[in-house]
Amino acid sequence: MELFDAFHLARLQFAFTVSFHIVFPAISIGMASFLAVLEWRWLLTGDAAYKEMFLFWSKIFAIGFGMGVVSGVVMAYEFGTNWGGFSSVAGNITGPLLTYEVLTAFFLEAGFLGVMLFGWERVSPRAHFFATLMVAVGTLISTFWILASNSFMQTPQGFAIENGRIVPVDWMKVIFNPSFPYRLAHMTIAAFIVAGFIVAACGAWHLLYGRRDKPVKRSFSMALWILLLLTPVQILVGDAHGLNTREYQPAKIAAIEGLWETEHGGTALNLFGLPDMDAEVTRYAIQIPHLGSLILTHSWDGEIRGLKEFPAKDRPYSPIVFWTFRVMAGLGMLMLLTAVLGLLLRRHGRLYEARWYQIFVLCMGPSGIVALLAGWITTEVGRQPWTVYGVLRTADSLSPISAQQAGVSLLIFVLVYFLVFGTGVYYMMKIMKRGPEEHVERRLSRRYPVLRNRPLDALEGE
């Protein structure tokens, strides 16, 4: 097997493009809901700080949304150029699901995005808020359909094979396949956490440089409340997802754990180690007895199947998923620590003055993105060697392309992506460095009178 043949180059190309793509929709999903909360609070209180925050973070959302759309279009073409076998065999399932995403989500987002970004002086406050809500709802609907398609590839059901092609038999089973609820919840919460850490890190930066105005303090505070609420929930959802994966994709779990032998009477957890696919052993393993059973079966002596119980050709590549999973889980623990420390400092009245904590939050800013990418690598590499798990092999999904074609297109993608999306990320960082305006435009204040006055709730952190 050649490392740089057409098959592996095509896989590397798709991995590269999807890794760029997944970051921007995650930012858009989390940021859209955050914007809806900000505008809702502004309508309730009339506090101009909320509007300043909305105007600022809507710029970040717009950049992320635009880059997500562009990078997503490229992936659609890749299905046809590099993965024609997959499109031919599974197109009757994935085609309609992706079409539903465009018809229900993308059109909804695109239709109201202009009003949300440019309609402040053209529509009423309630109409503008409705547009913001529709954009936020559209991002969540998009998540629904994309995860339905991807989850079918992980745990397919509701289909039949006719003339070598996958055809739908029961669309409800196709969409609501066994892993779909867990993956949908896990991805949606992950997007909120990604946005939460970006907002928190931006607030930490400006606090470190001496800003103490409402938009900065309130962004920092609200982000930490969001993280305190969602991080423990994400850990619980991840645990439930792990139990589901053990039931429907046991080889993936064995690869993630670096487990080769089925251990009867209780399975140890490999904290660290170096899985060796050729020797069928995890070298230098640091183990904790029975902890694997407690985590993956919720029992002291639960049994987990080892990789040796699966044919060598059906095993995922353990060295990758072993470590990407631990990166994701380790960052998850640091995220929880970040949120808890914020709560303790808040209770002692030092949230905005503890510089060491602000430096820590600033360093944790990219953690949501890194954990997201590590989780997706774990999910997708762990599904191998299948494109549709147990039904269609990845090797059979490849188009008849040459290594030269795959390699040249990969090189072009690398150059163009780093130029285009690198510029977009640079511009996004530049905006965040500048921060929200300290005084909102007076003409907007005159345009939208206060609807109701209510005390600020705990989200403000003032």
Protein backbone atom coordinates (compact mmCIF):
# COMPACT_ATOMS: atom_id res chain seq x y z
CA MET A 1 0.00 0.00 0.00
CA GLU A 2 1.46 3.35 -1.08
CA LEU A 3 1.13 6.33 1.22
CA PHE A 4 0.86 8.82 -1.63
CA ASP A 5 -1.44 6.96 -3.98
CA ALA A 6 -4.67 8.51 -5.27
CA PHE A 7 -6.74 6.98 -2.45
CA HIS A 8 -4.72 8.43 0.41
CA LEU A 9 -4.21 11.78 -1.29
CA ALA A 10 -7.96 12.10 -1.87
CA ARG A 11 -8.60 11.28 1.77
CA LEU A 12 -6.01 13.82 2.87
CA GLN A 13 -7.58 16.45 0.62
CA PHE A 14 -11.04 15.89 2.06
CA ALA A 15 -9.68 15.86 5.61
CA PHE A 16 -7.95 19.19 4.94
CA THR A 17 -10.99 20.90 3.43
CA VAL A 18 -13.48 19.57 5.98
CA SER A 19 -11.20 20.64 8.85
CA PHE A 20 -11.23 24.20 7.52
CA HIS A 21 -14.95 24.08 6.87
CA ILE A 22 -16.21 22.73 10.18
CA VAL A 23 -14.66 25.59 12.17
CA PHE A 24 -16.64 28.37 10.49
CA PRO A 25 -20.13 26.83 10.74
CA ALA A 26 -19.41 26.10 14.40
CA ILE A 27 -18.61 29.77 14.97
CA SER A 28 -21.75 30.79 13.03
CA ILE A 29 -24.03 28.40 14.95
CA GLY A 30 -22.86 29.54 18.37
CA MET A 31 -22.57 33.21 17.48
CA ALA A 32 -26.03 33.41 15.88
CA SER A 33 -27.72 32.23 19.07
CA PHE A 34 -25.54 34.57 21.13
CA LEU A 35 -26.65 37.48 18.93
CA ALA A 36 -30.29 36.53 19.43
CA VAL A 37 -29.81 36.60 23.21
CA LEU A 38 -28.08 39.99 23.02
CA GLU A 39 -30.85 41.58 20.98
CA TRP A 40 -33.52 40.05 23.21
CA ARG A 41 -31.82 41.56 26.28
CA TRP A 42 -31.59 44.92 24.54
CA LEU A 43 -35.28 44.89 23.67
CA LEU A 44 -36.18 44.05 27.27
CA THR A 45 -33.93 46.55 29.00
CA GLY A 46 -33.09 49.26 26.49
CA ASP A 47 -29.48 49.07 27.70
CA ALA A 48 -27.31 50.38 24.84
CA ALA A 49 -24.43 48.09 25.87
CA TYR A 50 -26.32 45.10 24.51
CA LYS A 51 -26.73 46.81 21.16
CA GLU A 52 -23.04 47.70 21.08
CA MET A 53 -22.23 44.05 21.74
CA PHE A 54 -24.62 42.93 19.01
CA LEU A 55 -23.16 45.30 16.43
CA PHE A 56 -19.65 44.13 17.28
CA TRP A 57 -20.23 40.37 17.35
CA SER A 58 -22.42 40.45 14.24
CA LYS A 59 -19.26 41.38 12.30
CA ILE A 60 -17.52 38.23 13.54
CA PHE A 61 -20.61 36.19 12.69
CA ALA A 62 -20.80 37.62 9.17
CA ILE A 63 -17.16 36.76 8.42
CA GLY A 64 -17.53 33.24 9.79
CA PHE A 65 -20.77 32.70 7.91
CA GLY A 66 -19.27 33.82 4.61
CA MET A 67 -16.20 31.62 4.95
CA GLY A 68 -18.36 28.68 5.98
CA VAL A 69 -20.50 28.97 2.86
CA VAL A 70 -17.50 29.17 0.54
CA SER A 71 -15.66 26.24 2.11
CA GLY A 72 -18.86 24.16 2.08
CA VAL A 73 -19.36 24.61 -1.65
CA VAL A 74 -15.89 23.18 -2.29
CA MET A 75 -16.73 20.03 -0.37
CA ALA A 76 -19.86 19.47 -2.45
CA TYR A 77 -17.71 19.41 -5.59
CA GLU A 78 -15.29 16.97 -3.97
CA PHE A 79 -18.06 14.40 -3.61
CA GLY A 80 -18.34 14.36 -7.38
CA THR A 81 -14.70 14.68 -8.38
CA ASN A 82 -12.95 12.49 -5.81
CA TRP A 83 -15.67 10.31 -4.31
CA GLY A 84 -17.88 9.34 -7.23
CA GLY A 85 -18.32 5.82 -5.88
CA PHE A 86 -19.83 7.19 -2.68
CA SER A 87 -22.10 9.57 -4.59
CA SER A 88 -23.25 6.78 -6.87
CA VAL A 89 -23.94 4.23 -4.13
CA ALA A 90 -25.23 6.48 -1.32
CA GLY A 91 -26.49 9.49 -3.31
CA ASN A 92 -30.13 8.45 -2.89
CA ILE A 93 -29.72 9.13 0.84
CA THR A 94 -27.16 11.93 1.13
CA GLY A 95 -28.46 13.89 -1.88
CA PRO A 96 -31.97 14.52 -0.50
CA LEU A 97 -30.68 15.20 3.02
CA LEU A 98 -28.26 17.86 1.81
CA THR A 99 -30.96 19.29 -0.46
CA TYR A 100 -33.31 19.61 2.52
CA GLU A 101 -30.54 21.52 4.30
CA VAL A 102 -30.30 24.02 1.46
CA LEU A 103 -34.08 24.42 1.06
CA THR A 104 -34.91 24.77 4.75
CA ALA A 105 -31.81 26.23 6.38
CA PHE A 106 -29.63 28.05 3.88
CA PHE A 107 -32.52 29.89 2.24
CA LEU A 108 -33.82 30.88 5.68
CA GLU A 109 -30.41 32.16 6.77
CA ALA A 110 -29.73 33.96 3.50
CA GLY A 111 -33.20 35.49 3.39
CA PHE A 112 -32.95 37.13 6.80
CA LEU A 113 -29.19 37.72 7.03
CA GLY A 114 -29.35 41.00 5.14
CA VAL A 115 -32.10 42.31 7.42
CA MET A 116 -30.11 41.28 10.51
CA LEU A 117 -26.90 42.95 9.34
CA PHE A 118 -28.19 46.02 7.49
CA GLY A 119 -31.80 46.50 8.53
CA TRP A 120 -31.40 48.48 11.74
CA GLU A 121 -32.83 51.69 10.27
CA ARG A 122 -35.16 50.03 7.78
CA VAL A 123 -37.39 47.78 9.90
CA SER A 124 -38.97 47.95 13.34
CA PRO A 125 -37.17 46.58 16.42
CA ARG A 126 -39.42 43.52 16.59
CA ALA A 127 -38.99 42.81 12.87
CA HIS A 128 -35.24 43.04 13.24
CA PHE A 129 -35.29 40.70 16.22
CA PHE A 130 -37.42 38.26 14.22
CA ALA A 131 -34.80 38.32 11.45
CA THR A 132 -32.06 37.60 13.99
CA LEU A 133 -34.09 34.71 15.40
CA MET A 134 -34.62 33.26 11.92
CA VAL A 135 -30.90 33.36 11.20
CA ALA A 136 -30.20 31.58 14.49
CA VAL A 137 -32.91 29.01 13.82
CA GLY A 138 -31.56 28.53 10.31
CA THR A 139 -28.10 27.62 11.64
CA LEU A 140 -29.67 25.03 13.94
CA ILE A 141 -31.77 23.56 11.13
CA SER A 142 -28.62 23.31 9.02
CA THR A 143 -26.94 21.44 11.86
CA PHE A 144 -29.91 19.06 11.98
CA TRP A 145 -29.68 18.01 8.33
CA ILE A 146 -25.89 17.85 8.12
CA LEU A 147 -25.74 15.69 11.24
CA ALA A 148 -28.56 13.49 9.94
CA SER A 149 -26.53 12.80 6.80
CA ASN A 150 -23.28 12.21 8.64
CA SER A 151 -24.94 10.10 11.33
CA PHE A 152 -26.45 7.86 8.67
CA MET A 153 -22.91 7.21 7.47
CA GLN A 154 -21.99 6.23 11.03
CA THR A 155 -25.03 4.13 12.00
CA PRO A 156 -27.07 3.46 8.85
CA GLN A 157 -30.61 2.14 9.04
CA GLY A 158 -33.92 2.46 7.19
CA PHE A 159 -32.41 1.48 3.82
CA ALA A 160 -32.13 -1.39 1.36
CA ILE A 161 -29.56 -2.36 -1.27
CA GLU A 162 -30.94 -2.45 -4.82
CA ASN A 163 -28.69 -2.99 -7.83
CA GLY A 164 -25.67 -2.16 -5.71
CA ARG A 165 -27.10 1.14 -4.51
CA ILE A 166 -28.43 2.28 -1.15
CA VAL A 167 -32.08 3.27 -1.39
CA PRO A 168 -34.27 4.69 1.39
CA VAL A 169 -37.01 2.47 2.77
CA ASP A 170 -38.02 4.44 5.87
CA TRP A 171 -36.97 8.10 5.93
CA MET A 172 -37.75 8.45 9.63
CA LYS A 173 -35.27 5.67 10.40
CA VAL A 174 -32.76 7.11 7.96
CA ILE A 175 -32.86 10.52 9.64
CA PHE A 176 -33.34 9.44 13.24
CA ASN A 177 -30.73 6.71 13.11
CA PRO A 178 -29.29 5.39 16.40
CA SER A 179 -26.41 7.85 16.76
CA PHE A 180 -28.21 10.95 15.45
CA PRO A 181 -29.67 12.37 18.71
CA TYR A 182 -26.34 12.09 20.53
CA ARG A 183 -24.29 13.49 17.68
CA LEU A 184 -26.72 16.37 17.09
CA ALA A 185 -26.65 17.39 20.75
CA HIS A 186 -22.87 16.95 20.98
CA MET A 187 -22.17 19.06 17.89
CA THR A 188 -24.65 21.82 18.75
CA ILE A 189 -23.29 22.24 22.27
CA ALA A 190 -19.75 22.13 20.88
CA ALA A 191 -20.60 25.06 18.58
CA PHE A 192 -21.92 27.08 21.51
CA ILE A 193 -18.75 26.31 23.47
CA VAL A 194 -16.57 27.34 20.51
CA ALA A 195 -18.35 30.71 20.37
CA GLY A 196 -18.29 31.01 24.17
CA PHE A 197 -14.53 30.69 24.37
CA ILE A 198 -14.00 33.13 21.50
CA VAL A 199 -16.17 35.74 23.26
CA ALA A 200 -14.52 35.06 26.64
CA ALA A 201 -11.01 35.29 25.19
CA CYS A 202 -11.82 38.56 23.45
CA GLY A 203 -13.17 39.98 26.71
CA ALA A 204 -10.09 38.75 28.59
CA TRP A 205 -7.81 40.49 26.08
CA HIS A 206 -9.48 43.87 26.59
CA LEU A 207 -9.65 43.45 30.37
CA LEU A 208 -5.91 42.78 30.40
CA TYR A 209 -5.39 46.03 28.49
CA GLY A 210 -7.41 48.03 30.99
CA ARG A 211 -10.88 48.31 29.47
CA ARG A 212 -13.67 48.15 32.03
CA ASP A 213 -16.65 49.42 30.02
CA LYS A 214 -19.93 47.54 29.95
CA PRO A 215 -19.63 45.81 26.55
CA VAL A 216 -16.27 44.25 27.49
CA LYS A 217 -17.20 43.21 31.01
CA ARG A 218 -20.61 41.95 29.99
CA SER A 219 -19.25 39.91 27.05
CA PHE A 220 -16.72 38.30 29.38
CA SER A 221 -19.34 37.59 32.03
CA MET A 222 -22.01 36.20 29.70
CA ALA A 223 -19.52 33.92 27.95
CA LEU A 224 -18.41 32.45 31.27
CA TRP A 225 -22.02 31.84 32.33
CA ILE A 226 -22.62 30.03 29.04
CA LEU A 227 -19.52 27.89 29.54
CA LEU A 228 -20.44 27.11 33.14
CA LEU A 229 -23.86 25.91 31.99
CA LEU A 230 -22.86 23.99 28.86
CA THR A 231 -19.51 22.38 29.68
CA PRO A 232 -20.89 19.92 32.28
CA VAL A 233 -23.83 19.17 29.97
CA GLN A 234 -21.42 18.46 27.12
CA ILE A 235 -19.49 16.01 29.29
CA LEU A 236 -22.73 14.14 30.09
CA VAL A 237 -23.79 14.13 26.44
CA GLY A 238 -20.34 12.87 25.47
CA ASP A 239 -20.68 10.03 27.96
CA ALA A 240 -24.06 9.04 26.49
CA HIS A 241 -22.58 9.26 23.00
CA GLY A 242 -19.78 6.92 24.09
CA LEU A 243 -22.27 4.33 25.30
CA ASN A 244 -24.10 4.55 21.98
CA THR A 245 -20.85 4.18 20.04
CA ARG A 246 -19.89 1.11 22.06
CA GLU A 247 -23.19 -0.50 21.06
CA TYR A 248 -23.17 0.34 17.35
CA GLN A 249 -19.47 0.86 16.51
CA PRO A 250 -17.52 -1.34 18.96
CA ALA A 251 -14.37 -1.36 16.80
CA LYS A 252 -14.21 2.45 17.07
CA ILE A 253 -14.35 2.28 20.86
CA ALA A 254 -11.63 -0.37 20.95
CA ALA A 255 -9.41 1.80 18.73
CA ILE A 256 -10.06 4.89 20.85
CA GLU A 257 -9.10 2.99 23.98
CA GLY A 258 -6.10 1.24 22.42
CA LEU A 259 -7.66 -2.01 23.61
CA TRP A 260 -6.52 -5.16 21.82
CA GLU A 261 -7.67 -7.98 24.08
CA THR A 262 -11.17 -8.42 25.48
CA GLU A 263 -10.65 -8.27 29.24
CA HIS A 264 -13.12 -10.40 31.14
CA GLY A 265 -14.16 -9.34 34.63
CA GLY A 266 -13.41 -5.65 34.10
CA THR A 267 -11.55 -3.52 31.56
CA ALA A 268 -8.68 -1.19 32.44
CA LEU A 269 -8.45 2.30 30.98
CA ASN A 270 -5.31 3.19 29.04
CA LEU A 271 -4.64 6.76 30.09
CA PHE A 272 -1.65 7.05 27.77
CA GLY A 273 0.22 4.77 25.43
CA LEU A 274 1.38 4.17 21.85
CA PRO A 275 -0.91 1.80 19.93
CA ASP A 276 1.02 -0.37 17.46
CA MET A 277 -1.18 -1.67 14.64
CA ASP A 278 1.42 -4.17 13.38
CA ALA A 279 2.33 -5.67 16.74
CA GLU A 280 -1.32 -5.45 17.94
CA VAL A 281 -0.35 -3.96 21.28
CA THR A 282 -0.42 -0.58 23.03
CA ARG A 283 3.14 0.10 24.11
CA TYR A 284 4.08 1.98 27.28
CA ALA A 285 0.46 1.92 28.45
CA ILE A 286 -0.41 3.61 31.73
CA GLN A 287 -3.51 1.81 32.96
CA ILE A 288 -6.12 2.23 35.67
CA PRO A 289 -7.87 -1.11 36.41
CA HIS A 290 -11.65 -1.29 35.88
CA LEU A 291 -11.92 2.40 34.95
CA GLY A 292 -12.61 1.52 31.30
CA SER A 293 -15.58 -0.57 32.39
CA LEU A 294 -16.88 2.17 34.68
CA ILE A 295 -16.72 4.81 31.94
CA LEU A 296 -17.89 2.75 28.96
CA THR A 297 -20.37 0.36 30.59
CA HIS A 298 -21.14 2.14 33.91
CA SER A 299 -20.34 -1.09 35.74
CA TRP A 300 -17.31 -2.44 37.60
CA ASP A 301 -16.86 -5.57 35.50
CA GLY A 302 -18.36 -4.50 32.15
CA GLU A 303 -16.81 -6.15 29.11
CA ILE A 304 -15.46 -4.19 26.12
CA ARG A 305 -14.48 -6.00 22.94
CA GLY A 306 -10.84 -5.72 21.93
CA LEU A 307 -9.58 -4.94 18.43
CA LYS A 308 -8.39 -8.51 17.92
CA GLU A 309 -12.02 -9.61 17.76
CA PHE A 310 -12.39 -7.70 14.48
CA PRO A 311 -10.72 -8.65 11.18
CA ALA A 312 -7.57 -6.60 10.56
CA LYS A 313 -9.13 -5.08 7.42
CA ASP A 314 -12.05 -3.73 9.49
CA ARG A 315 -10.04 -2.03 12.24
CA PRO A 316 -9.79 1.77 12.52
CA TYR A 317 -6.32 3.25 12.78
CA SER A 318 -5.90 3.35 16.55
CA PRO A 319 -2.80 5.61 16.87
CA ILE A 320 -4.76 8.60 15.52
CA VAL A 321 -8.08 8.22 17.34
CA PHE A 322 -6.37 7.20 20.60
CA TRP A 323 -4.68 10.61 20.84
CA THR A 324 -7.30 12.85 19.23
CA PHE A 325 -9.86 11.56 21.70
CA ARG A 326 -7.53 12.33 24.60
CA VAL A 327 -6.89 15.82 23.27
CA MET A 328 -10.66 16.41 23.13
CA ALA A 329 -11.30 14.92 26.58
CA GLY A 330 -8.35 16.72 28.17
CA LEU A 331 -9.46 20.07 26.79
CA GLY A 332 -12.96 19.32 28.04
CA MET A 333 -11.60 19.03 31.59
CA LEU A 334 -9.70 22.30 31.19
CA MET A 335 -12.88 23.96 29.91
CA LEU A 336 -14.75 22.81 33.00
CA LEU A 337 -11.91 24.13 35.18
CA THR A 338 -12.10 27.49 33.37
CA ALA A 339 -15.82 27.81 34.03
CA VAL A 340 -15.58 26.77 37.70
CA LEU A 341 -12.69 29.14 38.40
CA GLY A 342 -14.73 31.93 36.85
CA LEU A 343 -17.62 31.15 39.19
CA LEU A 344 -15.34 31.22 42.24
CA LEU A 345 -13.77 34.53 41.22
CA ARG A 346 -17.21 35.98 40.51
CA ARG A 347 -18.41 35.05 44.01
CA HIS A 348 -15.37 36.79 45.50
CA GLY A 349 -15.82 39.89 43.35
CA ARG A 350 -12.51 39.43 41.49
CA LEU A 351 -13.69 38.28 38.06
CA TYR A 352 -12.58 41.45 36.27
CA GLU A 353 -9.39 42.03 38.28
CA ALA A 354 -7.67 38.62 38.39
CA ARG A 355 -5.08 39.03 35.64
CA TRP A 356 -3.79 35.46 35.96
CA TYR A 357 -7.29 34.19 35.21
CA GLN A 358 -7.71 36.53 32.25
CA ILE A 359 -4.42 35.25 30.82
CA PHE A 360 -5.66 31.69 31.33
CA VAL A 361 -8.96 32.44 29.55
CA LEU A 362 -7.09 34.13 26.71
CA CYS A 363 -4.92 31.02 26.27
CA MET A 364 -8.07 28.86 26.33
CA GLY A 365 -9.64 30.90 23.53
CA PRO A 366 -8.76 28.42 20.73
CA SER A 367 -9.54 25.38 22.91
CA GLY A 368 -13.10 25.04 21.62
CA ILE A 369 -11.89 24.91 18.01
CA VAL A 370 -9.08 22.46 18.81
CA ALA A 371 -11.44 20.17 20.74
CA LEU A 372 -13.97 20.36 17.92
CA LEU A 373 -11.39 19.32 15.33
CA ALA A 374 -10.04 16.56 17.57
CA GLY A 375 -13.56 15.22 18.09
CA TRP A 376 -14.33 15.21 14.37
CA ILE A 377 -11.07 13.42 13.58
CA THR A 378 -11.93 10.83 16.20
CA THR A 379 -15.39 10.35 14.73
CA GLU A 380 -14.39 10.19 11.08
CA VAL A 381 -11.14 8.22 11.36
CA GLY A 382 -12.83 5.89 13.83
CA ARG A 383 -15.43 5.04 11.17
CA GLN A 384 -12.77 3.77 8.80
CA PRO A 385 -12.34 1.70 6.72
CA TRP A 386 -16.00 2.44 5.94
CA THR A 387 -17.63 5.43 4.28
CA VAL A 388 -21.05 4.08 5.23
CA TYR A 389 -20.35 1.93 8.27
CA GLY A 390 -20.58 -1.76 7.51
CA VAL A 391 -22.07 -1.10 4.06
CA LEU A 392 -19.65 0.79 1.77
CA ARG A 393 -15.89 0.78 2.13
CA THR A 394 -13.92 3.96 1.66
CA ALA A 395 -11.69 2.27 -0.92
CA ASP A 396 -14.79 1.51 -3.01
CA SER A 397 -15.96 5.14 -2.79
CA LEU A 398 -13.06 6.61 -4.73
CA SER A 399 -13.47 8.10 -8.20
CA PRO A 400 -11.17 6.85 -11.00
CA ILE A 401 -8.58 9.60 -10.50
CA SER A 402 -4.80 9.50 -10.61
CA ALA A 403 -2.39 10.30 -7.79
CA GLN A 404 -1.17 13.27 -9.81
CA GLN A 405 -4.67 14.73 -10.09
CA ALA A 406 -5.33 14.27 -6.38
CA GLY A 407 -1.92 15.63 -5.39
CA VAL A 408 -2.01 18.72 -7.58
CA SER A 409 -5.54 19.64 -6.48
CA LEU A 410 -4.52 19.12 -2.84
CA LEU A 411 -1.56 21.48 -3.27
CA ILE A 412 -3.82 24.10 -4.87
CA PHE A 413 -6.32 23.77 -2.02
CA VAL A 414 -3.60 24.22 0.59
CA LEU A 415 -2.27 27.38 -1.07
CA VAL A 416 -5.67 28.94 -1.75
CA TYR A 417 -7.17 28.02 1.62
CA PHE A 418 -4.32 29.47 3.63
CA LEU A 419 -4.42 32.63 1.52
CA VAL A 420 -8.19 33.17 1.47
CA PHE A 421 -9.24 31.83 4.85
CA GLY A 422 -6.02 32.99 6.49
CA THR A 423 -6.93 36.50 5.38
CA GLY A 424 -10.44 36.06 6.76
CA VAL A 425 -9.18 34.83 10.13
CA TYR A 426 -6.65 37.68 10.26
CA TYR A 427 -9.43 40.21 9.65
CA MET A 428 -11.60 38.53 12.28
CA MET A 429 -8.76 38.73 14.83
CA LYS A 430 -8.13 42.36 13.91
CA ILE A 431 -11.76 43.25 14.62
CA MET A 432 -11.69 41.41 17.95
CA LYS A 433 -8.45 43.21 18.91
CA ARG A 434 -10.19 46.54 18.31
CA GLY A 435 -13.16 45.47 20.43
CA PRO A 436 -16.72 46.79 20.68
CA GLU A 437 -17.39 50.50 20.47
CA GLU A 438 -17.82 52.15 23.84
CA HIS A 439 -20.71 54.35 22.66
CA VAL A 440 -23.42 53.22 20.27
CA GLU A 441 -24.53 55.61 17.53
CA ARG A 442 -27.12 58.09 18.76
CA ARG A 443 -29.26 57.77 15.66
CA LEU A 444 -29.87 54.09 16.43
CA SER A 445 -30.88 54.96 19.96
CA ARG A 446 -33.40 57.49 18.66
CA ARG A 447 -34.69 55.01 16.09
CA TYR A 448 -35.43 52.30 18.68
CA PRO A 449 -37.04 53.54 21.91
CA VAL A 450 -36.95 51.42 25.04
CA LEU A 451 -39.73 48.84 24.93
CA ARG A 452 -39.63 47.78 28.54
CA ASN A 453 -37.39 48.38 31.52
CA ARG A 454 -36.45 45.39 33.63
CA PRO A 455 -33.58 44.73 36.06
CA LEU A 456 -30.64 42.94 34.53
CA ASP A 457 -30.46 39.30 35.40
CA ALA A 458 -27.47 37.24 36.43
CA LEU A 459 -26.17 36.96 32.88
CA GLU A 460 -24.86 40.48 33.08
CA GLY A 461 -22.49 39.71 35.92
CA GLU A 462 -22.50 43.30 37.09
